[in-house]
Amino acid sequence: MAVKIISKSTKLFALLLVLLSYSPNAVLVGSVTIIAPIEDLLFKFALNFDYLFAEIFLKGALGLGLNEVAPNLVDGGPSPIGASVANLGPLVKDIFSQIGYQYVGRIRAIKRTLINGGIARPLVNISSATFAEFMDNAFGRQLVPPFDPYANDTNFLLAAYFLPYIGLTGLVNANALLLTPAAKTLAARILGVEAGQDGIIRTLLYERRDEIVRPYDGVSVAEFTNRISDLRNRLGKEGVKDEGLVVPIEQGAEGRVTGNVLSANNDSLSYDRSPQALLRILYGTGNESVPGGCFPNGANGVLADSFRLL
């Protein structure tokens, strides 16, 4: 009896077909990327946040946005509102230059993976007034003078504290909905970098945790982070999914420390947030159907009916 010799590539292809049998709605894109419609929806949703993060970090650190750095990725989407160069020292400028460019690569990778190439850049509002409003809501009063995220290193770090962690919790939530190897691999690679970005931002702020945020007498960096985390919990309406840099000891790791350089639950596992909660927070309205905040016209490619799938 003849012995059939099966090549390694044939075996891998056969294994891929077996894996796809568990996700019958998967779609073949070209000859390489295979994703399911629900995954396509999730990654298109995520692109909204990556556009937002790329714009504020690139503009704040370099004075450049996607229009200058990667115009081919915006797909005709409108330019950001209120983008400004931040008054940053060499270290913080260098770090956020790197993070900004990392988001460019991420947008490119996601758009390359999606069935129809993704979505256009949404209208994002990254003005000082937007972040001043967020901070006023966090403190329950109007700060005088209004908070300016572009004023200095500490303020820019506090504005940054508000952002990538939201995407991180959304990715943790989305992970359970992913079906195909291509989507799971992409999500894992994104999550690895996003967690690192959030860890860097929190570490830089933790070093400053006892410093007073000028000119707000008596208000420390740690208190700002606690207030921001509390605001995100209130707007998200999904319970505690967020913690500041200094917490009561019972909330610290193993109930033994008050320092909280990474936000995690009682088992030191990452929190998650639904797509609806992410919009409630970044809209600043507490309602996923009422745009505002960073997305004055709403997020692109998001239909209310789609949330029934997520």
C-alpha atoms as a PDB file:
ATOM      1  CA  MET A   1       0.000   0.000   0.000  1.00  0.00           C
ATOM      2  CA  ALA A   2       1.364   3.379  -0.986  1.00  0.00           C
ATOM      3  CA  VAL A   3       2.416   5.656   1.778  1.00  0.00           C
ATOM      4  CA  LYS A   4       1.101   9.176   1.446  1.00  0.00           C
ATOM      5  CA  ILE A   5       3.495  11.873   2.480  1.00  0.00           C
ATOM      6  CA  ILE A   6       1.665  14.881   3.852  1.00  0.00           C
ATOM      7  CA  SER A   7       3.602  18.129   3.920  1.00  0.00           C
ATOM      8  CA  LYS A   8       3.862  20.212   7.070  1.00  0.00           C
ATOM      9  CA  SER A   9       1.925  23.036   5.415  1.00  0.00           C
ATOM     10  CA  THR A  10      -0.898  20.660   4.517  1.00  0.00           C
ATOM     11  CA  LYS A  11      -1.115  19.479   8.113  1.00  0.00           C
ATOM     12  CA  LEU A  12      -1.272  23.059   9.363  1.00  0.00           C
ATOM     13  CA  PHE A  13      -4.016  23.873   6.883  1.00  0.00           C
ATOM     14  CA  ALA A  14      -5.988  20.835   7.995  1.00  0.00           C
ATOM     15  CA  LEU A  15      -5.612  21.906  11.628  1.00  0.00           C
ATOM     16  CA  LEU A  16      -6.862  25.370  10.719  1.00  0.00           C
ATOM     17  CA  LEU A  17      -9.970  23.886   9.123  1.00  0.00           C
ATOM     18  CA  VAL A  18     -10.647  21.896  12.274  1.00  0.00           C
ATOM     19  CA  LEU A  19     -10.334  25.026  14.400  1.00  0.00           C
ATOM     20  CA  LEU A  20     -12.694  26.904  12.115  1.00  0.00           C
ATOM     21  CA  SER A  21     -15.280  24.178  12.453  1.00  0.00           C
ATOM     22  CA  TYR A  22     -15.984  25.609  15.890  1.00  0.00           C
ATOM     23  CA  SER A  23     -16.872  29.001  14.366  1.00  0.00           C
ATOM     24  CA  PRO A  24     -19.141  28.326  11.382  1.00  0.00           C
ATOM     25  CA  ASN A  25     -19.700  32.011  10.645  1.00  0.00           C
ATOM     26  CA  ALA A  26     -16.008  32.726  10.072  1.00  0.00           C
ATOM     27  CA  VAL A  27     -15.084  34.639   6.924  1.00  0.00           C
ATOM     28  CA  LEU A  28     -12.014  34.151   4.756  1.00  0.00           C
ATOM     29  CA  VAL A  29     -10.362  37.427   3.795  1.00  0.00           C
ATOM     30  CA  GLY A  30      -8.032  36.999   0.858  1.00  0.00           C
ATOM     31  CA  SER A  31      -5.981  33.890   1.571  1.00  0.00           C
ATOM     32  CA  VAL A  32      -4.574  34.713   4.986  1.00  0.00           C
ATOM     33  CA  THR A  33      -6.796  36.361   7.566  1.00  0.00           C
ATOM     34  CA  ILE A  34      -9.856  34.565   8.863  1.00  0.00           C
ATOM     35  CA  ILE A  35     -12.228  36.323  11.237  1.00  0.00           C
ATOM     36  CA  ALA A  36     -15.879  36.031  12.176  1.00  0.00           C
ATOM     37  CA  PRO A  37     -18.441  38.836  11.740  1.00  0.00           C
ATOM     38  CA  ILE A  38     -18.736  39.435  15.485  1.00  0.00           C
ATOM     39  CA  GLU A  39     -14.957  39.815  15.669  1.00  0.00           C
ATOM     40  CA  ASP A  40     -15.052  42.273  12.794  1.00  0.00           C
ATOM     41  CA  LEU A  41     -17.616  44.296  14.754  1.00  0.00           C
ATOM     42  CA  LEU A  42     -15.512  44.241  17.921  1.00  0.00           C
ATOM     43  CA  PHE A  43     -12.317  45.386  16.233  1.00  0.00           C
ATOM     44  CA  LYS A  44     -14.113  48.137  14.332  1.00  0.00           C
ATOM     45  CA  PHE A  45     -15.451  49.320  17.673  1.00  0.00           C
ATOM     46  CA  ALA A  46     -11.929  49.258  19.128  1.00  0.00           C
ATOM     47  CA  LEU A  47     -10.606  51.401  16.276  1.00  0.00           C
ATOM     48  CA  ASN A  48     -12.571  54.375  17.614  1.00  0.00           C
ATOM     49  CA  PHE A  49     -10.515  54.364  20.803  1.00  0.00           C
ATOM     50  CA  ASP A  50      -7.213  53.795  19.044  1.00  0.00           C
ATOM     51  CA  TYR A  51      -7.875  56.811  16.811  1.00  0.00           C
ATOM     52  CA  LEU A  52      -8.578  58.872  19.935  1.00  0.00           C
ATOM     53  CA  PHE A  53      -5.469  57.701  21.794  1.00  0.00           C
ATOM     54  CA  ALA A  54      -3.193  58.107  18.780  1.00  0.00           C
ATOM     55  CA  GLU A  55      -4.318  61.691  18.212  1.00  0.00           C
ATOM     56  CA  ILE A  56      -3.877  62.965  21.759  1.00  0.00           C
ATOM     57  CA  PHE A  57      -0.531  61.258  22.377  1.00  0.00           C
ATOM     58  CA  LEU A  58       1.005  62.177  19.022  1.00  0.00           C
ATOM     59  CA  LYS A  59      -0.229  65.753  19.174  1.00  0.00           C
ATOM     60  CA  GLY A  60       0.643  66.226  22.836  1.00  0.00           C
ATOM     61  CA  ALA A  61       4.164  64.853  22.468  1.00  0.00           C
ATOM     62  CA  LEU A  62       5.125  65.831  18.922  1.00  0.00           C
ATOM     63  CA  GLY A  63       2.664  68.455  17.740  1.00  0.00           C
ATOM     64  CA  LEU A  64       1.682  66.049  14.946  1.00  0.00           C
ATOM     65  CA  GLY A  65      -1.448  64.002  14.386  1.00  0.00           C
ATOM     66  CA  LEU A  66      -2.483  61.174  12.109  1.00  0.00           C
ATOM     67  CA  ASN A  67      -2.981  63.662   9.270  1.00  0.00           C
ATOM     68  CA  GLU A  68       0.785  64.199   9.286  1.00  0.00           C
ATOM     69  CA  VAL A  69       2.073  60.836  10.535  1.00  0.00           C
ATOM     70  CA  ALA A  70      -0.203  58.358   8.730  1.00  0.00           C
ATOM     71  CA  PRO A  71      -2.801  60.131   6.548  1.00  0.00           C
ATOM     72  CA  ASN A  72      -3.584  56.870   4.750  1.00  0.00           C
ATOM     73  CA  LEU A  73      -5.141  55.468   7.936  1.00  0.00           C
ATOM     74  CA  VAL A  74      -7.821  58.112   8.582  1.00  0.00           C
ATOM     75  CA  ASP A  75      -9.995  57.251   5.546  1.00  0.00           C
ATOM     76  CA  GLY A  76     -11.221  60.810   5.196  1.00  0.00           C
ATOM     77  CA  GLY A  77     -12.339  61.144   8.809  1.00  0.00           C
ATOM     78  CA  PRO A  78     -12.504  64.672  10.290  1.00  0.00           C
ATOM     79  CA  SER A  79      -9.555  66.275  12.031  1.00  0.00           C
ATOM     80  CA  PRO A  80      -9.587  66.296  15.858  1.00  0.00           C
ATOM     81  CA  ILE A  81     -11.015  69.193  17.838  1.00  0.00           C
ATOM     82  CA  GLY A  82      -8.727  71.021  20.227  1.00  0.00           C
ATOM     83  CA  ALA A  83      -5.475  69.127  19.646  1.00  0.00           C
ATOM     84  CA  SER A  84      -2.520  70.909  21.223  1.00  0.00           C
ATOM     85  CA  VAL A  85       1.172  70.450  21.926  1.00  0.00           C
ATOM     86  CA  ALA A  86       1.779  69.729  25.612  1.00  0.00           C
ATOM     87  CA  ASN A  87       4.483  71.375  27.699  1.00  0.00           C
ATOM     88  CA  LEU A  88       6.402  68.174  28.420  1.00  0.00           C
ATOM     89  CA  GLY A  89       9.834  67.418  29.784  1.00  0.00           C
ATOM     90  CA  PRO A  90      12.226  65.181  27.797  1.00  0.00           C
ATOM     91  CA  LEU A  91      11.332  61.877  29.498  1.00  0.00           C
ATOM     92  CA  VAL A  92       7.533  62.193  29.333  1.00  0.00           C
ATOM     93  CA  LYS A  93       7.730  63.555  25.778  1.00  0.00           C
ATOM     94  CA  ASP A  94       9.862  60.594  24.717  1.00  0.00           C
ATOM     95  CA  ILE A  95       7.508  58.059  26.344  1.00  0.00           C
ATOM     96  CA  PHE A  96       4.378  59.480  24.763  1.00  0.00           C
ATOM     97  CA  SER A  97       6.059  59.810  21.387  1.00  0.00           C
ATOM     98  CA  GLN A  98       6.648  56.071  21.540  1.00  0.00           C
ATOM     99  CA  ILE A  99       3.105  55.317  22.724  1.00  0.00           C
ATOM    100  CA  GLY A 100       1.602  57.554  20.025  1.00  0.00           C
ATOM    101  CA  TYR A 101       3.516  55.782  17.285  1.00  0.00           C
ATOM    102  CA  GLN A 102       2.512  52.423  18.774  1.00  0.00           C
ATOM    103  CA  TYR A 103      -1.122  53.330  18.219  1.00  0.00           C
ATOM    104  CA  VAL A 104      -0.363  54.067  14.569  1.00  0.00           C
ATOM    105  CA  GLY A 105       0.934  50.534  14.133  1.00  0.00           C
ATOM    106  CA  ARG A 106      -2.064  49.111  15.961  1.00  0.00           C
ATOM    107  CA  ILE A 107      -4.564  50.958  13.774  1.00  0.00           C
ATOM    108  CA  ARG A 108      -2.763  49.668  10.690  1.00  0.00           C
ATOM    109  CA  ALA A 109      -2.760  46.081  11.991  1.00  0.00           C
ATOM    110  CA  ILE A 110      -6.470  46.141  12.863  1.00  0.00           C
ATOM    111  CA  LYS A 111      -7.503  47.679   9.536  1.00  0.00           C
ATOM    112  CA  ARG A 112      -5.425  45.083   7.699  1.00  0.00           C
ATOM    113  CA  THR A 113      -7.288  42.318   9.544  1.00  0.00           C
ATOM    114  CA  LEU A 114     -10.863  43.538   9.131  1.00  0.00           C
ATOM    115  CA  ILE A 115     -13.246  42.280   6.479  1.00  0.00           C
ATOM    116  CA  ASN A 116     -13.802  45.647   4.793  1.00  0.00           C
ATOM    117  CA  GLY A 117     -10.757  47.539   6.029  1.00  0.00           C
ATOM    118  CA  GLY A 118     -12.234  49.102   9.142  1.00  0.00           C
ATOM    119  CA  ILE A 119     -13.816  52.492   9.749  1.00  0.00           C
ATOM    120  CA  ALA A 120     -12.885  56.103   9.115  1.00  0.00           C
ATOM    121  CA  ARG A 121     -11.493  58.188  11.944  1.00  0.00           C
ATOM    122  CA  PRO A 122     -14.375  59.531  14.044  1.00  0.00           C
ATOM    123  CA  LEU A 123     -14.566  63.133  15.170  1.00  0.00           C
ATOM    124  CA  VAL A 124     -12.654  63.238  18.453  1.00  0.00           C
ATOM    125  CA  ASN A 125     -12.594  66.138  20.894  1.00  0.00           C
ATOM    126  CA  ILE A 126      -9.292  66.298  22.780  1.00  0.00           C
ATOM    127  CA  SER A 127      -9.550  69.937  23.774  1.00  0.00           C
ATOM    128  CA  SER A 128      -8.593  71.256  27.183  1.00  0.00           C
ATOM    129  CA  ALA A 129     -12.276  72.021  27.770  1.00  0.00           C
ATOM    130  CA  THR A 130     -13.217  68.353  27.340  1.00  0.00           C
ATOM    131  CA  PHE A 131     -10.746  67.200  29.972  1.00  0.00           C
ATOM    132  CA  ALA A 132     -11.632  70.114  32.241  1.00  0.00           C
ATOM    133  CA  GLU A 133     -15.245  68.935  32.154  1.00  0.00           C
ATOM    134  CA  PHE A 134     -14.217  65.362  32.969  1.00  0.00           C
ATOM    135  CA  MET A 135     -12.180  66.566  35.940  1.00  0.00           C
ATOM    136  CA  ASP A 136     -14.961  68.849  37.187  1.00  0.00           C
ATOM    137  CA  ASN A 137     -17.295  65.850  37.114  1.00  0.00           C
ATOM    138  CA  ALA A 138     -14.717  63.740  38.920  1.00  0.00           C
ATOM    139  CA  PHE A 139     -14.483  66.259  41.770  1.00  0.00           C
ATOM    140  CA  GLY A 140     -18.147  67.245  41.773  1.00  0.00           C
ATOM    141  CA  ARG A 141     -17.228  70.896  41.493  1.00  0.00           C
ATOM    142  CA  GLN A 142     -15.644  73.324  39.078  1.00  0.00           C
ATOM    143  CA  LEU A 143     -11.880  73.409  39.387  1.00  0.00           C
ATOM    144  CA  VAL A 144     -10.367  76.892  39.318  1.00  0.00           C
ATOM    145  CA  PRO A 145      -8.577  77.419  37.034  1.00  0.00           C
ATOM    146  CA  PRO A 146      -9.988  74.775  34.684  1.00  0.00           C
ATOM    147  CA  PHE A 147      -7.827  71.669  34.386  1.00  0.00           C
ATOM    148  CA  ASP A 148      -5.484  71.871  31.385  1.00  0.00           C
ATOM    149  CA  PRO A 149      -4.111  68.491  30.209  1.00  0.00           C
ATOM    150  CA  TYR A 150      -1.459  70.169  28.088  1.00  0.00           C
ATOM    151  CA  ALA A 151       0.003  72.391  30.839  1.00  0.00           C
ATOM    152  CA  ASN A 152       2.786  70.126  32.134  1.00  0.00           C
ATOM    153  CA  ASP A 153       4.003  66.545  32.645  1.00  0.00           C
ATOM    154  CA  THR A 154       1.715  65.781  35.585  1.00  0.00           C
ATOM    155  CA  ASN A 155      -1.446  67.096  33.950  1.00  0.00           C
ATOM    156  CA  PHE A 156      -0.741  65.220  30.728  1.00  0.00           C
ATOM    157  CA  LEU A 157      -0.127  62.015  32.675  1.00  0.00           C
ATOM    158  CA  LEU A 158      -3.426  62.478  34.508  1.00  0.00           C
ATOM    159  CA  ALA A 159      -5.252  62.957  31.206  1.00  0.00           C
ATOM    160  CA  ALA A 160      -3.480  59.848  29.895  1.00  0.00           C
ATOM    161  CA  TYR A 161      -4.543  57.967  33.034  1.00  0.00           C
ATOM    162  CA  PHE A 162      -8.107  58.528  31.878  1.00  0.00           C
ATOM    163  CA  LEU A 163      -7.590  56.807  28.509  1.00  0.00           C
ATOM    164  CA  PRO A 164      -5.676  53.541  27.722  1.00  0.00           C
ATOM    165  CA  TYR A 165      -7.002  51.704  30.776  1.00  0.00           C
ATOM    166  CA  ILE A 166     -10.486  52.023  29.300  1.00  0.00           C
ATOM    167  CA  GLY A 167      -9.330  50.227  26.182  1.00  0.00           C
ATOM    168  CA  LEU A 168      -7.590  47.580  28.271  1.00  0.00           C
ATOM    169  CA  THR A 169     -10.755  46.658  30.176  1.00  0.00           C
ATOM    170  CA  GLY A 170     -12.695  46.568  26.910  1.00  0.00           C
ATOM    171  CA  LEU A 171     -10.212  44.117  25.395  1.00  0.00           C
ATOM    172  CA  VAL A 172     -10.450  41.850  28.428  1.00  0.00           C
ATOM    173  CA  ASN A 173     -14.219  41.797  27.957  1.00  0.00           C
ATOM    174  CA  ALA A 174     -13.984  41.173  24.207  1.00  0.00           C
ATOM    175  CA  ASN A 175     -11.578  38.269  24.647  1.00  0.00           C
ATOM    176  CA  ALA A 176     -14.376  35.906  25.690  1.00  0.00           C
ATOM    177  CA  LEU A 177     -16.292  36.682  22.474  1.00  0.00           C
ATOM    178  CA  LEU A 178     -13.473  35.919  20.048  1.00  0.00           C
ATOM    179  CA  LEU A 179     -13.764  32.739  18.003  1.00  0.00           C
ATOM    180  CA  THR A 180     -10.981  32.464  15.465  1.00  0.00           C
ATOM    181  CA  PRO A 181      -7.193  32.105  15.815  1.00  0.00           C
ATOM    182  CA  ALA A 182      -6.512  35.279  13.822  1.00  0.00           C
ATOM    183  CA  ALA A 183      -8.699  37.421  16.089  1.00  0.00           C
ATOM    184  CA  LYS A 184      -7.430  35.840  19.303  1.00  0.00           C
ATOM    185  CA  THR A 185      -3.822  36.359  18.266  1.00  0.00           C
ATOM    186  CA  LEU A 186      -4.409  39.990  17.308  1.00  0.00           C
ATOM    187  CA  ALA A 187      -6.265  40.708  20.565  1.00  0.00           C
ATOM    188  CA  ALA A 188      -3.552  39.098  22.684  1.00  0.00           C
ATOM    189  CA  ARG A 189      -0.842  41.131  21.005  1.00  0.00           C
ATOM    190  CA  ILE A 190      -2.822  44.346  21.415  1.00  0.00           C
ATOM    191  CA  LEU A 191      -3.612  43.588  25.051  1.00  0.00           C
ATOM    192  CA  GLY A 192       0.039  42.913  25.845  1.00  0.00           C
ATOM    193  CA  VAL A 193       1.101  46.341  24.617  1.00  0.00           C
ATOM    194  CA  GLU A 194      -1.928  48.179  26.047  1.00  0.00           C
ATOM    195  CA  ALA A 195      -1.322  46.707  29.499  1.00  0.00           C
ATOM    196  CA  GLY A 196       2.281  47.858  29.286  1.00  0.00           C
ATOM    197  CA  GLN A 197       1.232  51.378  28.320  1.00  0.00           C
ATOM    198  CA  ASP A 198      -1.197  51.584  31.220  1.00  0.00           C
ATOM    199  CA  GLY A 199       1.451  50.229  33.596  1.00  0.00           C
ATOM    200  CA  ILE A 200       3.945  52.884  32.505  1.00  0.00           C
ATOM    201  CA  ILE A 201       1.447  55.701  32.943  1.00  0.00           C
ATOM    202  CA  ARG A 202       0.419  54.461  36.396  1.00  0.00           C
ATOM    203  CA  THR A 203       4.045  53.982  37.472  1.00  0.00           C
ATOM    204  CA  LEU A 204       5.015  57.512  36.470  1.00  0.00           C
ATOM    205  CA  LEU A 205       2.045  58.842  38.398  1.00  0.00           C
ATOM    206  CA  TYR A 206       2.740  56.561  41.376  1.00  0.00           C
ATOM    207  CA  GLU A 207       6.162  58.169  41.696  1.00  0.00           C
ATOM    208  CA  ARG A 208       4.335  61.494  42.011  1.00  0.00           C
ATOM    209  CA  ARG A 209       1.421  60.212  44.120  1.00  0.00           C
ATOM    210  CA  ASP A 210       2.055  62.549  47.069  1.00  0.00           C
ATOM    211  CA  GLU A 211       2.759  65.621  44.971  1.00  0.00           C
ATOM    212  CA  ILE A 212       0.200  68.427  44.946  1.00  0.00           C
ATOM    213  CA  VAL A 213      -1.300  69.099  41.525  1.00  0.00           C
ATOM    214  CA  ARG A 214      -0.769  72.827  41.088  1.00  0.00           C
ATOM    215  CA  PRO A 215      -2.568  75.136  41.423  1.00  0.00           C
ATOM    216  CA  TYR A 216      -5.118  72.980  43.286  1.00  0.00           C
ATOM    217  CA  ASP A 217      -3.945  73.359  46.868  1.00  0.00           C
ATOM    218  CA  GLY A 218      -4.189  70.215  48.947  1.00  0.00           C
ATOM    219  CA  VAL A 219      -5.129  67.923  46.042  1.00  0.00           C
ATOM    220  CA  SER A 220      -2.522  65.245  45.404  1.00  0.00           C
ATOM    221  CA  VAL A 221      -1.843  63.159  42.323  1.00  0.00           C
ATOM    222  CA  ALA A 222      -3.203  60.125  44.174  1.00  0.00           C
ATOM    223  CA  GLU A 223      -6.471  61.904  44.914  1.00  0.00           C
ATOM    224  CA  PHE A 224      -6.834  62.874  41.257  1.00  0.00           C
ATOM    225  CA  THR A 225      -6.438  59.243  40.199  1.00  0.00           C
ATOM    226  CA  ASN A 226      -8.940  58.079  42.823  1.00  0.00           C
ATOM    227  CA  ARG A 227     -11.452  60.679  41.668  1.00  0.00           C
ATOM    228  CA  ILE A 228     -10.966  59.748  38.003  1.00  0.00           C
ATOM    229  CA  SER A 229     -11.408  56.050  38.783  1.00  0.00           C
ATOM    230  CA  ASP A 230     -14.532  56.756  40.809  1.00  0.00           C
ATOM    231  CA  LEU A 231     -15.939  58.801  37.915  1.00  0.00           C
ATOM    232  CA  ARG A 232     -15.311  55.989  35.435  1.00  0.00           C
ATOM    233  CA  ASN A 233     -17.052  53.554  37.781  1.00  0.00           C
ATOM    234  CA  ARG A 234     -20.050  55.882  38.097  1.00  0.00           C
ATOM    235  CA  LEU A 235     -20.343  56.547  34.384  1.00  0.00           C
ATOM    236  CA  GLY A 236     -19.739  52.921  33.423  1.00  0.00           C
ATOM    237  CA  LYS A 237     -22.525  51.667  35.709  1.00  0.00           C
ATOM    238  CA  GLU A 238     -21.022  48.199  36.080  1.00  0.00           C
ATOM    239  CA  GLY A 239     -19.771  48.362  39.648  1.00  0.00           C
ATOM    240  CA  VAL A 240     -16.116  48.659  40.625  1.00  0.00           C
ATOM    241  CA  LYS A 241     -13.941  48.135  37.549  1.00  0.00           C
ATOM    242  CA  ASP A 242     -11.416  50.796  38.369  1.00  0.00           C
ATOM    243  CA  GLU A 243      -9.132  51.800  41.254  1.00  0.00           C
ATOM    244  CA  GLY A 244      -6.795  54.710  41.886  1.00  0.00           C
ATOM    245  CA  LEU A 245      -3.138  54.602  42.905  1.00  0.00           C
ATOM    246  CA  VAL A 246      -3.719  54.480  46.671  1.00  0.00           C
ATOM    247  CA  VAL A 247      -6.539  52.371  48.100  1.00  0.00           C
ATOM    248  CA  PRO A 248      -7.755  51.177  51.515  1.00  0.00           C
ATOM    249  CA  ILE A 249      -5.584  48.263  52.588  1.00  0.00           C
ATOM    250  CA  GLU A 250      -8.420  45.761  52.187  1.00  0.00           C
ATOM    251  CA  GLN A 251      -8.501  46.618  48.467  1.00  0.00           C
ATOM    252  CA  GLY A 252      -4.744  46.285  48.014  1.00  0.00           C
ATOM    253  CA  ALA A 253      -3.031  43.121  46.805  1.00  0.00           C
ATOM    254  CA  GLU A 254      -3.865  40.305  49.262  1.00  0.00           C
ATOM    255  CA  GLY A 255      -5.164  42.940  51.692  1.00  0.00           C
ATOM    256  CA  ARG A 256      -1.578  43.788  52.671  1.00  0.00           C
ATOM    257  CA  VAL A 257      -0.707  47.031  50.862  1.00  0.00           C
ATOM    258  CA  THR A 258      -2.286  50.387  50.088  1.00  0.00           C
ATOM    259  CA  GLY A 259      -0.184  51.033  47.002  1.00  0.00           C
ATOM    260  CA  ASN A 260      -2.033  50.148  43.819  1.00  0.00           C
ATOM    261  CA  VAL A 261       0.311  50.615  40.911  1.00  0.00           C
ATOM    262  CA  LEU A 262      -1.858  48.249  38.828  1.00  0.00           C
ATOM    263  CA  SER A 263      -5.640  48.161  38.994  1.00  0.00           C
ATOM    264  CA  ALA A 264      -6.929  44.618  39.579  1.00  0.00           C
ATOM    265  CA  ASN A 265      -9.583  42.663  41.455  1.00  0.00           C
ATOM    266  CA  ASN A 266      -9.192  40.698  44.702  1.00  0.00           C
ATOM    267  CA  ASP A 267      -7.339  37.925  42.851  1.00  0.00           C
ATOM    268  CA  SER A 268      -5.096  40.445  41.079  1.00  0.00           C
ATOM    269  CA  LEU A 269      -6.823  39.757  37.765  1.00  0.00           C
ATOM    270  CA  SER A 270      -7.732  42.505  35.328  1.00  0.00           C
ATOM    271  CA  TYR A 271     -11.181  44.066  35.381  1.00  0.00           C
ATOM    272  CA  ASP A 272     -13.347  44.074  32.265  1.00  0.00           C
ATOM    273  CA  ARG A 273     -15.917  46.465  30.823  1.00  0.00           C
ATOM    274  CA  SER A 274     -18.648  46.048  28.236  1.00  0.00           C
ATOM    275  CA  PRO A 275     -18.696  48.092  25.002  1.00  0.00           C
ATOM    276  CA  GLN A 276     -21.660  50.021  26.375  1.00  0.00           C
ATOM    277  CA  ALA A 277     -19.716  51.002  29.508  1.00  0.00           C
ATOM    278  CA  LEU A 278     -16.780  52.253  27.435  1.00  0.00           C
ATOM    279  CA  LEU A 279     -19.072  54.617  25.543  1.00  0.00           C
ATOM    280  CA  ARG A 280     -20.833  55.787  28.707  1.00  0.00           C
ATOM    281  CA  ILE A 281     -17.436  56.826  30.079  1.00  0.00           C
ATOM    282  CA  LEU A 282     -15.842  58.441  27.031  1.00  0.00           C
ATOM    283  CA  TYR A 283     -19.089  60.173  26.053  1.00  0.00           C
ATOM    284  CA  GLY A 284     -19.109  61.545  29.601  1.00  0.00           C
ATOM    285  CA  THR A 285     -22.884  61.173  29.694  1.00  0.00           C
ATOM    286  CA  GLY A 286     -23.333  57.818  31.415  1.00  0.00           C
ATOM    287  CA  ASN A 287     -25.490  56.811  28.445  1.00  0.00           C
ATOM    288  CA  GLU A 288     -24.121  54.879  25.463  1.00  0.00           C
ATOM    289  CA  SER A 289     -26.819  56.401  23.260  1.00  0.00           C
ATOM    290  CA  VAL A 290     -25.991  60.045  24.113  1.00  0.00           C
ATOM    291  CA  PRO A 291     -22.684  61.165  22.542  1.00  0.00           C
ATOM    292  CA  GLY A 292     -20.462  63.826  24.052  1.00  0.00           C
ATOM    293  CA  GLY A 293     -17.079  64.153  25.687  1.00  0.00           C
ATOM    294  CA  CYS A 294     -14.323  62.751  23.475  1.00  0.00           C
ATOM    295  CA  PHE A 295     -16.816  61.688  20.774  1.00  0.00           C
ATOM    296  CA  PRO A 296     -19.201  64.603  20.158  1.00  0.00           C
ATOM    297  CA  ASN A 297     -20.783  62.881  17.140  1.00  0.00           C
ATOM    298  CA  GLY A 298     -20.591  59.404  18.611  1.00  0.00           C
ATOM    299  CA  ALA A 299     -18.276  56.529  17.788  1.00  0.00           C
ATOM    300  CA  ASN A 300     -18.135  55.354  14.170  1.00  0.00           C
ATOM    301  CA  GLY A 301     -19.572  52.038  13.063  1.00  0.00           C
ATOM    302  CA  VAL A 302     -21.540  51.587  16.267  1.00  0.00           C
ATOM    303  CA  LEU A 303     -25.216  50.689  15.991  1.00  0.00           C
ATOM    304  CA  ALA A 304     -27.374  50.337  19.064  1.00  0.00           C
ATOM    305  CA  ASP A 305     -28.726  47.012  17.773  1.00  0.00           C
ATOM    306  CA  SER A 306     -25.207  45.634  17.503  1.00  0.00           C
ATOM    307  CA  PHE A 307     -24.835  45.668  21.282  1.00  0.00           C
ATOM    308  CA  ARG A 308     -27.240  42.777  21.504  1.00  0.00           C
ATOM    309  CA  LEU A 309     -24.471  40.655  19.977  1.00  0.00           C
ATOM    310  CA  LEU A 310     -21.770  41.759  22.425  1.00  0.00           C
END
